[in-house]
Amino acid sequence: MNRIWIPTHLQHLTNGNERVKISGSNIRHVIRALDNAYPGLGDQLREGDMLKPGITVAINGSVDHLGLYADFDEDSEIHFIPAIEGG
């Protein structure tokens, strides 16, 4: 199972959990499984066929620019990283 880190501002959707375990072999599958387990989370991570603007994905420590199409092994560490705002 993949270990998924949830951004702080979305943890209210995962009952306060900062990490969850979800199966999936690409980001699209992981987001679908996250949304099934935690309704509403998928809408916060994707917009149509793309990651929502302001969300980046890191897989096993490397930022990935393939968005929903990024593939990985079933035992990966995935971080959804929100953009930092401010000025």
PDB file of N, CA and C in Angstrom:
ATOM      1  N   MET A   1       0.832  -1.183   0.000  1.00  0.00           N
ATOM      2  CA  MET A   1       0.000   0.000   0.000  1.00  0.00           C
ATOM      3  C   MET A   1       0.878   1.249   0.000  1.00  0.00           C
ATOM      4  N   ASN A   2       0.390   2.260  -0.668  1.00  0.00           N
ATOM      5  CA  ASN A   2       1.092   3.536  -0.712  1.00  0.00           C
ATOM      6  C   ASN A   2       0.825   4.324   0.565  1.00  0.00           C
ATOM      7  N   ARG A   3       1.830   5.065   0.990  1.00  0.00           N
ATOM      8  CA  ARG A   3       1.681   5.959   2.134  1.00  0.00           C
ATOM      9  C   ARG A   3       1.469   7.366   1.579  1.00  0.00           C
ATOM     10  N   ILE A   4       0.332   7.965   1.915  1.00  0.00           N
ATOM     11  CA  ILE A   4      -0.063   9.251   1.359  1.00  0.00           C
ATOM     12  C   ILE A   4      -0.050  10.301   2.464  1.00  0.00           C
ATOM     13  N   TRP A   5       0.669  11.400   2.223  1.00  0.00           N
ATOM     14  CA  TRP A   5       0.687  12.525   3.144  1.00  0.00           C
ATOM     15  C   TRP A   5      -0.358  13.528   2.671  1.00  0.00           C
ATOM     16  N   ILE A   6      -1.222  13.935   3.587  1.00  0.00           N
ATOM     17  CA  ILE A   6      -2.317  14.845   3.289  1.00  0.00           C
ATOM     18  C   ILE A   6      -1.945  16.243   3.779  1.00  0.00           C
ATOM     19  N   PRO A   7      -2.125  17.268   2.928  1.00  0.00           N
ATOM     20  CA  PRO A   7      -1.829  18.638   3.377  1.00  0.00           C
ATOM     21  C   PRO A   7      -2.679  19.016   4.595  1.00  0.00           C
ATOM     22  N   THR A   8      -2.118  19.817   5.466  1.00  0.00           N
ATOM     23  CA  THR A   8      -2.789  20.209   6.701  1.00  0.00           C
ATOM     24  C   THR A   8      -4.182  20.760   6.455  1.00  0.00           C
ATOM     25  N   HIS A   9      -4.330  21.598   5.437  1.00  0.00           N
ATOM     26  CA  HIS A   9      -5.634  22.236   5.208  1.00  0.00           C
ATOM     27  C   HIS A   9      -6.706  21.265   4.694  1.00  0.00           C
ATOM     28  N   LEU A  10      -6.310  20.018   4.377  1.00  0.00           N
ATOM     29  CA  LEU A  10      -7.275  19.007   3.917  1.00  0.00           C
ATOM     30  C   LEU A  10      -7.473  17.874   4.920  1.00  0.00           C
ATOM     31  N   GLN A  11      -6.760  17.907   6.019  1.00  0.00           N
ATOM     32  CA  GLN A  11      -6.833  16.815   6.986  1.00  0.00           C
ATOM     33  C   GLN A  11      -8.190  16.698   7.664  1.00  0.00           C
ATOM     34  N   HIS A  12      -9.004  17.750   7.619  1.00  0.00           N
ATOM     35  CA  HIS A  12     -10.355  17.639   8.172  1.00  0.00           C
ATOM     36  C   HIS A  12     -11.185  16.620   7.382  1.00  0.00           C
ATOM     37  N   LEU A  13     -10.806  16.379   6.120  1.00  0.00           N
ATOM     38  CA  LEU A  13     -11.501  15.391   5.290  1.00  0.00           C
ATOM     39  C   LEU A  13     -11.048  13.958   5.578  1.00  0.00           C
ATOM     40  N   THR A  14      -9.885  13.816   6.234  1.00  0.00           N
ATOM     41  CA  THR A  14      -9.364  12.482   6.567  1.00  0.00           C
ATOM     42  C   THR A  14      -9.447  12.216   8.070  1.00  0.00           C
ATOM     43  N   ASN A  15     -10.431  12.840   8.712  1.00  0.00           N
ATOM     44  CA  ASN A  15     -10.637  12.674  10.157  1.00  0.00           C
ATOM     45  C   ASN A  15      -9.409  13.083  10.961  1.00  0.00           C
ATOM     46  N   GLY A  16      -8.672  14.073  10.454  1.00  0.00           N
ATOM     47  CA  GLY A  16      -7.494  14.580  11.148  1.00  0.00           C
ATOM     48  C   GLY A  16      -6.212  13.820  10.860  1.00  0.00           C
ATOM     49  N   ASN A  17      -6.271  12.792  10.034  1.00  0.00           N
ATOM     50  CA  ASN A  17      -5.069  12.004   9.732  1.00  0.00           C
ATOM     51  C   ASN A  17      -4.160  12.753   8.760  1.00  0.00           C
ATOM     52  N   GLU A  18      -2.880  12.842   9.117  1.00  0.00           N
ATOM     53  CA  GLU A  18      -1.930  13.465   8.202  1.00  0.00           C
ATOM     54  C   GLU A  18      -1.370  12.455   7.197  1.00  0.00           C
ATOM     55  N   ARG A  19      -1.473  11.173   7.515  1.00  0.00           N
ATOM     56  CA  ARG A  19      -1.037  10.100   6.612  1.00  0.00           C
ATOM     57  C   ARG A  19      -2.119   9.042   6.529  1.00  0.00           C
ATOM     58  N   VAL A  20      -2.305   8.531   5.326  1.00  0.00           N
ATOM     59  CA  VAL A  20      -3.243   7.425   5.114  1.00  0.00           C
ATOM     60  C   VAL A  20      -2.582   6.431   4.172  1.00  0.00           C
ATOM     61  N   LYS A  21      -3.090   5.209   4.163  1.00  0.00           N
ATOM     62  CA  LYS A  21      -2.589   4.189   3.245  1.00  0.00           C
ATOM     63  C   LYS A  21      -3.658   3.913   2.212  1.00  0.00           C
ATOM     64  N   ILE A  22      -3.257   3.977   0.941  1.00  0.00           N
ATOM     65  CA  ILE A  22      -4.190   3.818  -0.176  1.00  0.00           C
ATOM     66  C   ILE A  22      -3.494   3.026  -1.280  1.00  0.00           C
ATOM     67  N   SER A  23      -4.226   2.140  -1.926  1.00  0.00           N
ATOM     68  CA  SER A  23      -3.697   1.403  -3.073  1.00  0.00           C
ATOM     69  C   SER A  23      -3.836   2.239  -4.336  1.00  0.00           C
ATOM     70  N   GLY A  24      -3.000   1.937  -5.309  1.00  0.00           N
ATOM     71  CA  GLY A  24      -3.054   2.598  -6.609  1.00  0.00           C
ATOM     72  C   GLY A  24      -1.684   2.600  -7.251  1.00  0.00           C
ATOM     73  N   SER A  25      -1.666   2.571  -8.580  1.00  0.00           N
ATOM     74  CA  SER A  25      -0.394   2.531  -9.295  1.00  0.00           C
ATOM     75  C   SER A  25      -0.106   3.820 -10.062  1.00  0.00           C
ATOM     76  N   ASN A  26      -1.030   4.787  -9.988  1.00  0.00           N
ATOM     77  CA  ASN A  26      -0.769   6.116 -10.529  1.00  0.00           C
ATOM     78  C   ASN A  26      -1.596   7.123  -9.731  1.00  0.00           C
ATOM     79  N   ILE A  27      -1.318   8.395  -9.916  1.00  0.00           N
ATOM     80  CA  ILE A  27      -1.968   9.430  -9.129  1.00  0.00           C
ATOM     81  C   ILE A  27      -3.474   9.442  -9.349  1.00  0.00           C
ATOM     82  N   ARG A  28      -3.905   9.215 -10.565  1.00  0.00           N
ATOM     83  CA  ARG A  28      -5.347   9.168 -10.852  1.00  0.00           C
ATOM     84  C   ARG A  28      -6.033   8.108  -9.984  1.00  0.00           C
ATOM     85  N   HIS A  29      -5.455   6.894  -9.917  1.00  0.00           N
ATOM     86  CA  HIS A  29      -6.029   5.813  -9.108  1.00  0.00           C
ATOM     87  C   HIS A  29      -6.006   6.159  -7.616  1.00  0.00           C
ATOM     88  N   VAL A  30      -4.913   6.762  -7.169  1.00  0.00           N
ATOM     89  CA  VAL A  30      -4.793   7.122  -5.757  1.00  0.00           C
ATOM     90  C   VAL A  30      -5.844   8.157  -5.379  1.00  0.00           C
ATOM     91  N   ILE A  31      -6.022   9.186  -6.215  1.00  0.00           N
ATOM     92  CA  ILE A  31      -7.023  10.210  -5.905  1.00  0.00           C
ATOM     93  C   ILE A  31      -8.426   9.610  -5.904  1.00  0.00           C
ATOM     94  N   ARG A  32      -8.709   8.725  -6.829  1.00  0.00           N
ATOM     95  CA  ARG A  32     -10.027   8.061  -6.858  1.00  0.00           C
ATOM     96  C   ARG A  32     -10.241   7.260  -5.570  1.00  0.00           C
ATOM     97  N   ALA A  33      -9.214   6.513  -5.149  1.00  0.00           N
ATOM     98  CA  ALA A  33      -9.330   5.726  -3.917  1.00  0.00           C
ATOM     99  C   ALA A  33      -9.440   6.636  -2.691  1.00  0.00           C
ATOM    100  N   LEU A  34      -8.694   7.739  -2.679  1.00  0.00           N
ATOM    101  CA  LEU A  34      -8.806   8.697  -1.585  1.00  0.00           C
ATOM    102  C   LEU A  34     -10.221   9.262  -1.499  1.00  0.00           C
ATOM    103  N   ASP A  35     -10.790   9.591  -2.657  1.00  0.00           N
ATOM    104  CA  ASP A  35     -12.128  10.162  -2.680  1.00  0.00           C
ATOM    105  C   ASP A  35     -13.179   9.145  -2.233  1.00  0.00           C
ATOM    106  N   ASN A  36     -12.975   7.876  -2.559  1.00  0.00           N
ATOM    107  CA  ASN A  36     -13.896   6.830  -2.089  1.00  0.00           C
ATOM    108  C   ASN A  36     -13.821   6.672  -0.571  1.00  0.00           C
ATOM    109  N   ALA A  37     -12.605   6.741  -0.029  1.00  0.00           N
ATOM    110  CA  ALA A  37     -12.417   6.571   1.410  1.00  0.00           C
ATOM    111  C   ALA A  37     -12.763   7.844   2.186  1.00  0.00           C
ATOM    112  N   TYR A  38     -12.505   8.993   1.577  1.00  0.00           N
ATOM    113  CA  TYR A  38     -12.701  10.290   2.228  1.00  0.00           C
ATOM    114  C   TYR A  38     -13.418  11.223   1.252  1.00  0.00           C
ATOM    115  N   PRO A  39     -14.742  11.110   1.165  1.00  0.00           N
ATOM    116  CA  PRO A  39     -15.507  11.894   0.194  1.00  0.00           C
ATOM    117  C   PRO A  39     -15.181  13.389   0.252  1.00  0.00           C
ATOM    118  N   GLY A  40     -14.994  13.953  -0.936  1.00  0.00           N
ATOM    119  CA  GLY A  40     -14.678  15.371  -1.062  1.00  0.00           C
ATOM    120  C   GLY A  40     -13.200  15.639  -1.257  1.00  0.00           C
ATOM    121  N   LEU A  41     -12.352  14.697  -0.877  1.00  0.00           N
ATOM    122  CA  LEU A  41     -10.915  14.910  -1.002  1.00  0.00           C
ATOM    123  C   LEU A  41     -10.489  14.972  -2.461  1.00  0.00           C
ATOM    124  N   GLY A  42     -11.085  14.145  -3.304  1.00  0.00           N
ATOM    125  CA  GLY A  42     -10.740  14.152  -4.730  1.00  0.00           C
ATOM    126  C   GLY A  42     -10.979  15.506  -5.368  1.00  0.00           C
ATOM    127  N   ASP A  43     -12.076  16.164  -4.995  1.00  0.00           N
ATOM    128  CA  ASP A  43     -12.380  17.485  -5.553  1.00  0.00           C
ATOM    129  C   ASP A  43     -11.361  18.534  -5.131  1.00  0.00           C
ATOM    130  N   GLN A  44     -10.707  18.310  -4.017  1.00  0.00           N
ATOM    131  CA  GLN A  44      -9.696  19.255  -3.547  1.00  0.00           C
ATOM    132  C   GLN A  44      -8.327  19.025  -4.202  1.00  0.00           C
ATOM    133  N   LEU A  45      -8.139  17.849  -4.824  1.00  0.00           N
ATOM    134  CA  LEU A  45      -6.840  17.503  -5.409  1.00  0.00           C
ATOM    135  C   LEU A  45      -6.826  17.541  -6.932  1.00  0.00           C
ATOM    136  N   ARG A  46      -7.975  17.398  -7.569  1.00  0.00           N
ATOM    137  CA  ARG A  46      -7.997  17.367  -9.034  1.00  0.00           C
ATOM    138  C   ARG A  46      -9.061  18.316  -9.565  1.00  0.00           C
ATOM    139  N   GLU A  47      -8.809  18.734 -10.779  1.00  0.00           N
ATOM    140  CA  GLU A  47      -9.764  19.567 -11.503  1.00  0.00           C
ATOM    141  C   GLU A  47      -9.824  19.002 -12.915  1.00  0.00           C
ATOM    142  N   GLY A  48     -10.903  18.278 -13.218  1.00  0.00           N
ATOM    143  CA  GLY A  48     -11.006  17.612 -14.509  1.00  0.00           C
ATOM    144  C   GLY A  48      -9.951  16.529 -14.622  1.00  0.00           C
ATOM    145  N   ASP A  49      -9.158  16.583 -15.679  1.00  0.00           N
ATOM    146  CA  ASP A  49      -8.100  15.594 -15.905  1.00  0.00           C
ATOM    147  C   ASP A  49      -6.726  16.087 -15.480  1.00  0.00           C
ATOM    148  N   MET A  50      -6.693  17.026 -14.558  1.00  0.00           N
ATOM    149  CA  MET A  50      -5.412  17.575 -14.092  1.00  0.00           C
ATOM    150  C   MET A  50      -5.451  17.729 -12.579  1.00  0.00           C
ATOM    151  N   LEU A  51      -4.264  17.853 -12.000  1.00  0.00           N
ATOM    152  CA  LEU A  51      -4.208  18.220 -10.599  1.00  0.00           C
ATOM    153  C   LEU A  51      -4.757  19.630 -10.470  1.00  0.00           C
ATOM    154  N   LYS A  52      -5.362  19.908  -9.353  1.00  0.00           N
ATOM    155  CA  LYS A  52      -5.892  21.240  -9.112  1.00  0.00           C
ATOM    156  C   LYS A  52      -4.730  22.252  -9.112  1.00  0.00           C
ATOM    157  N   PRO A  53      -4.927  23.429  -9.692  1.00  0.00           N
ATOM    158  CA  PRO A  53      -3.862  24.439  -9.647  1.00  0.00           C
ATOM    159  C   PRO A  53      -3.433  24.683  -8.201  1.00  0.00           C
ATOM    160  N   GLY A  54      -2.140  24.770  -7.999  1.00  0.00           N
ATOM    161  CA  GLY A  54      -1.613  24.987  -6.660  1.00  0.00           C
ATOM    162  C   GLY A  54      -1.271  23.717  -5.912  1.00  0.00           C
ATOM    163  N   ILE A  55      -1.503  22.541  -6.519  1.00  0.00           N
ATOM    164  CA  ILE A  55      -1.151  21.262  -5.888  1.00  0.00           C
ATOM    165  C   ILE A  55      -0.038  20.615  -6.711  1.00  0.00           C
ATOM    166  N   THR A  56       1.009  20.208  -6.025  1.00  0.00           N
ATOM    167  CA  THR A  56       2.118  19.483  -6.646  1.00  0.00           C
ATOM    168  C   THR A  56       2.202  18.120  -5.969  1.00  0.00           C
ATOM    169  N   VAL A  57       2.734  17.142  -6.691  1.00  0.00           N
ATOM    170  CA  VAL A  57       2.886  15.797  -6.139  1.00  0.00           C
ATOM    171  C   VAL A  57       4.365  15.437  -6.079  1.00  0.00           C
ATOM    172  N   ALA A  58       4.786  14.898  -4.938  1.00  0.00           N
ATOM    173  CA  ALA A  58       6.127  14.338  -4.800  1.00  0.00           C
ATOM    174  C   ALA A  58       5.963  12.844  -4.565  1.00  0.00           C
ATOM    175  N   ILE A  59       6.682  12.065  -5.366  1.00  0.00           N
ATOM    176  CA  ILE A  59       6.626  10.605  -5.264  1.00  0.00           C
ATOM    177  C   ILE A  59       7.999  10.103  -4.880  1.00  0.00           C
ATOM    178  N   ASN A  60       8.078   9.439  -3.741  1.00  0.00           N
ATOM    179  CA  ASN A  60       9.336   8.910  -3.221  1.00  0.00           C
ATOM    180  C   ASN A  60      10.425   9.981  -3.181  1.00  0.00           C
ATOM    181  N   GLY A  61      10.031  11.181  -2.763  1.00  0.00           N
ATOM    182  CA  GLY A  61      10.986  12.262  -2.560  1.00  0.00           C
ATOM    183  C   GLY A  61      11.284  13.124  -3.762  1.00  0.00           C
ATOM    184  N   SER A  62      10.711  12.814  -4.916  1.00  0.00           N
ATOM    185  CA  SER A  62      10.968  13.598  -6.126  1.00  0.00           C
ATOM    186  C   SER A  62       9.664  14.221  -6.620  1.00  0.00           C
ATOM    187  N   VAL A  63       9.728  15.520  -6.909  1.00  0.00           N
ATOM    188  CA  VAL A  63       8.560  16.191  -7.463  1.00  0.00           C
ATOM    189  C   VAL A  63       8.309  15.641  -8.853  1.00  0.00           C
ATOM    190  N   ASP A  64       7.057  15.318  -9.115  1.00  0.00           N
ATOM    191  CA  ASP A  64       6.686  14.733 -10.397  1.00  0.00           C
ATOM    192  C   ASP A  64       5.810  15.714 -11.164  1.00  0.00           C
ATOM    193  N   HIS A  65       6.108  15.900 -12.445  1.00  0.00           N
ATOM    194  CA  HIS A  65       5.371  16.858 -13.261  1.00  0.00           C
ATOM    195  C   HIS A  65       4.385  16.192 -14.226  1.00  0.00           C
ATOM    196  N   LEU A  66       4.155  14.897 -14.079  1.00  0.00           N
ATOM    197  CA  LEU A  66       3.206  14.200 -14.942  1.00  0.00           C
ATOM    198  C   LEU A  66       1.779  14.283 -14.416  1.00  0.00           C
ATOM    199  N   GLY A  67       1.595  14.857 -13.256  1.00  0.00           N
ATOM    200  CA  GLY A  67       0.258  15.031 -12.701  1.00  0.00           C
ATOM    201  C   GLY A  67      -0.457  13.710 -12.480  1.00  0.00           C
ATOM    202  N   LEU A  68      -1.681  13.616 -12.970  1.00  0.00           N
ATOM    203  CA  LEU A  68      -2.500  12.420 -12.757  1.00  0.00           C
ATOM    204  C   LEU A  68      -1.930  11.187 -13.445  1.00  0.00           C
ATOM    205  N   TYR A  69      -1.018  11.376 -14.371  1.00  0.00           N
ATOM    206  CA  TYR A  69      -0.493  10.265 -15.161  1.00  0.00           C
ATOM    207  C   TYR A  69       0.793   9.673 -14.599  1.00  0.00           C
ATOM    208  N   ALA A  70       1.267  10.181 -13.478  1.00  0.00           N
ATOM    209  CA  ALA A  70       2.489   9.663 -12.876  1.00  0.00           C
ATOM    210  C   ALA A  70       2.261   8.241 -12.367  1.00  0.00           C
ATOM    211  N   ASP A  71       3.103   7.307 -12.806  1.00  0.00           N
ATOM    212  CA  ASP A  71       3.047   5.912 -12.361  1.00  0.00           C
ATOM    213  C   ASP A  71       4.110   5.670 -11.298  1.00  0.00           C
ATOM    214  N   PHE A  72       3.886   4.663 -10.441  1.00  0.00           N
ATOM    215  CA  PHE A  72       4.836   4.336  -9.390  1.00  0.00           C
ATOM    216  C   PHE A  72       4.555   2.935  -8.881  1.00  0.00           C
ATOM    217  N   ASP A  73       5.474   2.418  -8.075  1.00  0.00           N
ATOM    218  CA  ASP A  73       5.289   1.110  -7.444  1.00  0.00           C
ATOM    219  C   ASP A  73       4.202   1.207  -6.389  1.00  0.00           C
ATOM    220  N   GLU A  74       3.585   0.091  -6.087  1.00  0.00           N
ATOM    221  CA  GLU A  74       2.458   0.034  -5.146  1.00  0.00           C
ATOM    222  C   GLU A  74       2.873   0.327  -3.699  1.00  0.00           C
ATOM    223  N   ASP A  75       4.145   0.412  -3.409  1.00  0.00           N
ATOM    224  CA  ASP A  75       4.613   0.689  -2.048  1.00  0.00           C
ATOM    225  C   ASP A  75       5.376   2.010  -2.031  1.00  0.00           C
ATOM    226  N   SER A  76       4.739   3.072  -2.500  1.00  0.00           N
ATOM    227  CA  SER A  76       5.394   4.371  -2.632  1.00  0.00           C
ATOM    228  C   SER A  76       4.946   5.336  -1.548  1.00  0.00           C
ATOM    229  N   GLU A  77       5.739   6.399  -1.410  1.00  0.00           N
ATOM    230  CA  GLU A  77       5.427   7.489  -0.496  1.00  0.00           C
ATOM    231  C   GLU A  77       5.027   8.686  -1.356  1.00  0.00           C
ATOM    232  N   ILE A  78       3.814   9.188  -1.137  1.00  0.00           N
ATOM    233  CA  ILE A  78       3.276  10.246  -1.993  1.00  0.00           C
ATOM    234  C   ILE A  78       2.865  11.422  -1.121  1.00  0.00           C
ATOM    235  N   HIS A  79       3.337  12.597  -1.506  1.00  0.00           N
ATOM    236  CA  HIS A  79       2.991  13.830  -0.818  1.00  0.00           C
ATOM    237  C   HIS A  79       2.227  14.725  -1.776  1.00  0.00           C
ATOM    238  N   PHE A  80       1.064  15.196  -1.342  1.00  0.00           N
ATOM    239  CA  PHE A  80       0.344  16.250  -2.058  1.00  0.00           C
ATOM    240  C   PHE A  80       0.757  17.554  -1.412  1.00  0.00           C
ATOM    241  N   ILE A  81       1.397  18.419  -2.174  1.00  0.00           N
ATOM    242  CA  ILE A  81       1.997  19.634  -1.635  1.00  0.00           C
ATOM    243  C   ILE A  81       1.261  20.853  -2.169  1.00  0.00           C
ATOM    244  N   PRO A  82       0.675  21.654  -1.268  1.00  0.00           N
ATOM    245  CA  PRO A  82       0.010  22.876  -1.723  1.00  0.00           C
ATOM    246  C   PRO A  82       1.035  23.970  -1.987  1.00  0.00           C
ATOM    247  N   ALA A  83       0.683  24.875  -2.916  1.00  0.00           N
ATOM    248  CA  ALA A  83       1.550  26.012  -3.178  1.00  0.00           C
ATOM    249  C   ALA A  83       1.595  26.894  -1.933  1.00  0.00           C
ATOM    250  N   ILE A  84       2.722  27.524  -1.744  1.00  0.00           N
ATOM    251  CA  ILE A  84       2.876  28.450  -0.626  1.00  0.00           C
ATOM    252  C   ILE A  84       2.448  29.829  -1.086  1.00  0.00           C
ATOM    253  N   GLU A  85       1.542  30.420  -0.341  1.00  0.00           N
ATOM    254  CA  GLU A  85       1.037  31.744  -0.709  1.00  0.00           C
ATOM    255  C   GLU A  85       1.665  32.784   0.208  1.00  0.00           C
ATOM    256  N   GLY A  86       1.657  33.987  -0.271  1.00  0.00           N
ATOM    257  CA  GLY A  86       2.163  35.085   0.547  1.00  0.00           C
ATOM    258  C   GLY A  86       3.020  35.995  -0.295  1.00  0.00           C
ATOM    259  N   GLY A  87       3.609  36.926   0.338  1.00  0.00           N
ATOM    260  CA  GLY A  87       4.398  37.850  -0.453  1.00  0.00           C
ATOM    261  C   GLY A  87       5.290  38.711   0.331  1.00  0.00           C
TER     262      GLY A  87
END
